[in-house]
């Protein structure tokens, strides 16, 4: 699956992602246009309040179901000025 396909799938399902409780979602680690089928897709995410471990698992299940591949999620506010310098220039904002 290519980065463009992943991005398109997530953009088409923005309402579902919001319903799952995602406030922000940024695709990271996209230096290559294609990701091997066994590699996890990496995201920075911020959950709507109150975040919980159960909430994180539900969001992860939603992303895995949409993408049909492993997913890694790091919870952080990507808009935080302390985080921004560490974002890959190729990061793709989904929400």
C-alpha atoms as a PDB file:
ATOM      1  CA  UNK A   1       0.000   0.000   0.000  1.00  0.00           C
ATOM      2  CA  UNK A   2       1.399   3.377  -0.934  1.00  0.00           C
ATOM      3  CA  UNK A   3       1.458   6.477   1.233  1.00  0.00           C
ATOM      4  CA  UNK A   4      -1.022   8.068  -1.190  1.00  0.00           C
ATOM      5  CA  UNK A   5      -3.428   5.133  -0.755  1.00  0.00           C
ATOM      6  CA  UNK A   6      -3.109   5.278   3.031  1.00  0.00           C
ATOM      7  CA  UNK A   7      -3.677   9.035   3.045  1.00  0.00           C
ATOM      8  CA  UNK A   8      -6.654   8.758   0.685  1.00  0.00           C
ATOM      9  CA  UNK A   9      -8.263   5.989   2.765  1.00  0.00           C
ATOM     10  CA  UNK A  10      -7.895   8.017   5.950  1.00  0.00           C
ATOM     11  CA  UNK A  11      -9.103  11.257   4.327  1.00  0.00           C
ATOM     12  CA  UNK A  12     -12.196   9.435   3.011  1.00  0.00           C
ATOM     13  CA  UNK A  13     -12.910   8.200   6.542  1.00  0.00           C
ATOM     14  CA  UNK A  14     -12.292  11.421   8.466  1.00  0.00           C
ATOM     15  CA  UNK A  15     -15.809  11.345   9.950  1.00  0.00           C
ATOM     16  CA  UNK A  16     -15.264   7.805  11.243  1.00  0.00           C
ATOM     17  CA  UNK A  17     -11.896   8.794  12.730  1.00  0.00           C
ATOM     18  CA  UNK A  18     -13.482  11.771  14.499  1.00  0.00           C
ATOM     19  CA  UNK A  19     -16.285   9.513  15.726  1.00  0.00           C
ATOM     20  CA  UNK A  20     -13.632   7.129  17.104  1.00  0.00           C
ATOM     21  CA  UNK A  21     -12.381  10.027  19.227  1.00  0.00           C
ATOM     22  CA  UNK A  22      -9.362  11.312  17.360  1.00  0.00           C
ATOM     23  CA  UNK A  23      -8.704  15.013  17.732  1.00  0.00           C
ATOM     24  CA  UNK A  24      -5.545  15.092  15.583  1.00  0.00           C
ATOM     25  CA  UNK A  25      -3.799  12.440  13.501  1.00  0.00           C
ATOM     26  CA  UNK A  26      -0.459  12.824  11.714  1.00  0.00           C
ATOM     27  CA  UNK A  27       1.117  10.125   9.564  1.00  0.00           C
ATOM     28  CA  UNK A  28       4.862   9.991  10.266  1.00  0.00           C
ATOM     29  CA  UNK A  29       7.826   8.019   8.980  1.00  0.00           C
ATOM     30  CA  UNK A  30       6.834   8.399   5.340  1.00  0.00           C
ATOM     31  CA  UNK A  31      10.233   8.861   3.717  1.00  0.00           C
ATOM     32  CA  UNK A  32       9.429   6.182   1.135  1.00  0.00           C
ATOM     33  CA  UNK A  33       6.377   6.322  -1.176  1.00  0.00           C
ATOM     34  CA  UNK A  34       5.565   2.680  -0.373  1.00  0.00           C
ATOM     35  CA  UNK A  35       5.451   0.867   2.934  1.00  0.00           C
ATOM     36  CA  UNK A  36       6.119  -2.860   3.012  1.00  0.00           C
ATOM     37  CA  UNK A  37       3.004  -4.908   3.842  1.00  0.00           C
ATOM     38  CA  UNK A  38       4.463  -6.173   7.114  1.00  0.00           C
ATOM     39  CA  UNK A  39       5.643  -2.751   8.338  1.00  0.00           C
ATOM     40  CA  UNK A  40       3.486  -0.813  10.764  1.00  0.00           C
ATOM     41  CA  UNK A  41       2.143   2.568   9.742  1.00  0.00           C
ATOM     42  CA  UNK A  42       3.213   5.149  12.324  1.00  0.00           C
ATOM     43  CA  UNK A  43       1.036   7.953  13.652  1.00  0.00           C
ATOM     44  CA  UNK A  44       1.143  10.781  16.149  1.00  0.00           C
ATOM     45  CA  UNK A  45      -2.323  11.222  17.581  1.00  0.00           C
ATOM     46  CA  UNK A  46      -4.220  13.298  20.075  1.00  0.00           C
ATOM     47  CA  UNK A  47      -7.432  11.877  21.542  1.00  0.00           C
ATOM     48  CA  UNK A  48     -10.519  13.766  22.551  1.00  0.00           C
ATOM     49  CA  UNK A  49     -10.779  14.079  26.314  1.00  0.00           C
ATOM     50  CA  UNK A  50     -10.803  12.084  28.487  1.00  0.00           C
ATOM     51  CA  UNK A  51      -8.180   9.817  26.916  1.00  0.00           C
ATOM     52  CA  UNK A  52      -7.868   6.297  28.288  1.00  0.00           C
ATOM     53  CA  UNK A  53      -6.076   3.105  27.402  1.00  0.00           C
ATOM     54  CA  UNK A  54      -9.381   1.601  26.233  1.00  0.00           C
ATOM     55  CA  UNK A  55      -9.936   4.648  24.040  1.00  0.00           C
ATOM     56  CA  UNK A  56      -6.461   4.216  22.507  1.00  0.00           C
ATOM     57  CA  UNK A  57      -7.172   0.538  21.764  1.00  0.00           C
ATOM     58  CA  UNK A  58     -10.444   1.454  20.039  1.00  0.00           C
ATOM     59  CA  UNK A  59      -8.704   4.060  17.875  1.00  0.00           C
ATOM     60  CA  UNK A  60      -5.984   1.559  17.010  1.00  0.00           C
ATOM     61  CA  UNK A  61      -8.587  -1.074  16.043  1.00  0.00           C
ATOM     62  CA  UNK A  62     -10.320   1.489  13.828  1.00  0.00           C
ATOM     63  CA  UNK A  63      -7.071   2.366  12.020  1.00  0.00           C
ATOM     64  CA  UNK A  64      -6.085  -1.298  11.600  1.00  0.00           C
ATOM     65  CA  UNK A  65      -9.527  -2.089  10.166  1.00  0.00           C
ATOM     66  CA  UNK A  66      -9.316   0.793   7.692  1.00  0.00           C
ATOM     67  CA  UNK A  67      -5.746   0.112   6.579  1.00  0.00           C
ATOM     68  CA  UNK A  68      -5.639  -3.695   6.956  1.00  0.00           C
ATOM     69  CA  UNK A  69      -2.107  -3.531   8.344  1.00  0.00           C
ATOM     70  CA  UNK A  70      -0.233  -3.008  11.636  1.00  0.00           C
ATOM     71  CA  UNK A  71      -0.442   0.450  13.204  1.00  0.00           C
ATOM     72  CA  UNK A  72       1.742   2.195  15.805  1.00  0.00           C
ATOM     73  CA  UNK A  73       0.330   5.215  17.629  1.00  0.00           C
ATOM     74  CA  UNK A  74       2.170   7.706  19.809  1.00  0.00           C
ATOM     75  CA  UNK A  75      -0.103   9.961  21.820  1.00  0.00           C
ATOM     76  CA  UNK A  76       1.019  13.577  21.619  1.00  0.00           C
ATOM     77  CA  UNK A  77      -0.340  16.886  20.448  1.00  0.00           C
ATOM     78  CA  UNK A  78       1.439  17.376  17.089  1.00  0.00           C
ATOM     79  CA  UNK A  79       0.685  21.112  17.281  1.00  0.00           C
ATOM     80  CA  UNK A  80       2.682  21.449  20.513  1.00  0.00           C
ATOM     81  CA  UNK A  81       5.672  23.716  19.864  1.00  0.00           C
ATOM     82  CA  UNK A  82       7.928  21.291  21.755  1.00  0.00           C
ATOM     83  CA  UNK A  83       6.990  18.480  19.335  1.00  0.00           C
ATOM     84  CA  UNK A  84       7.010  20.380  16.023  1.00  0.00           C
ATOM     85  CA  UNK A  85      10.814  20.452  15.555  1.00  0.00           C
ATOM     86  CA  UNK A  86      10.896  16.660  15.778  1.00  0.00           C
ATOM     87  CA  UNK A  87       8.233  16.065  13.136  1.00  0.00           C
ATOM     88  CA  UNK A  88       9.505  14.624   9.899  1.00  0.00           C
ATOM     89  CA  UNK A  89       9.190  17.168   7.073  1.00  0.00           C
ATOM     90  CA  UNK A  90       7.325  14.470   5.138  1.00  0.00           C
ATOM     91  CA  UNK A  91       4.713  14.008   7.897  1.00  0.00           C
ATOM     92  CA  UNK A  92       1.144  14.099   6.587  1.00  0.00           C
ATOM     93  CA  UNK A  93      -1.612  15.718   8.641  1.00  0.00           C
ATOM     94  CA  UNK A  94      -4.840  13.716   8.367  1.00  0.00           C
ATOM     95  CA  UNK A  95      -6.952  15.449  11.039  1.00  0.00           C
END
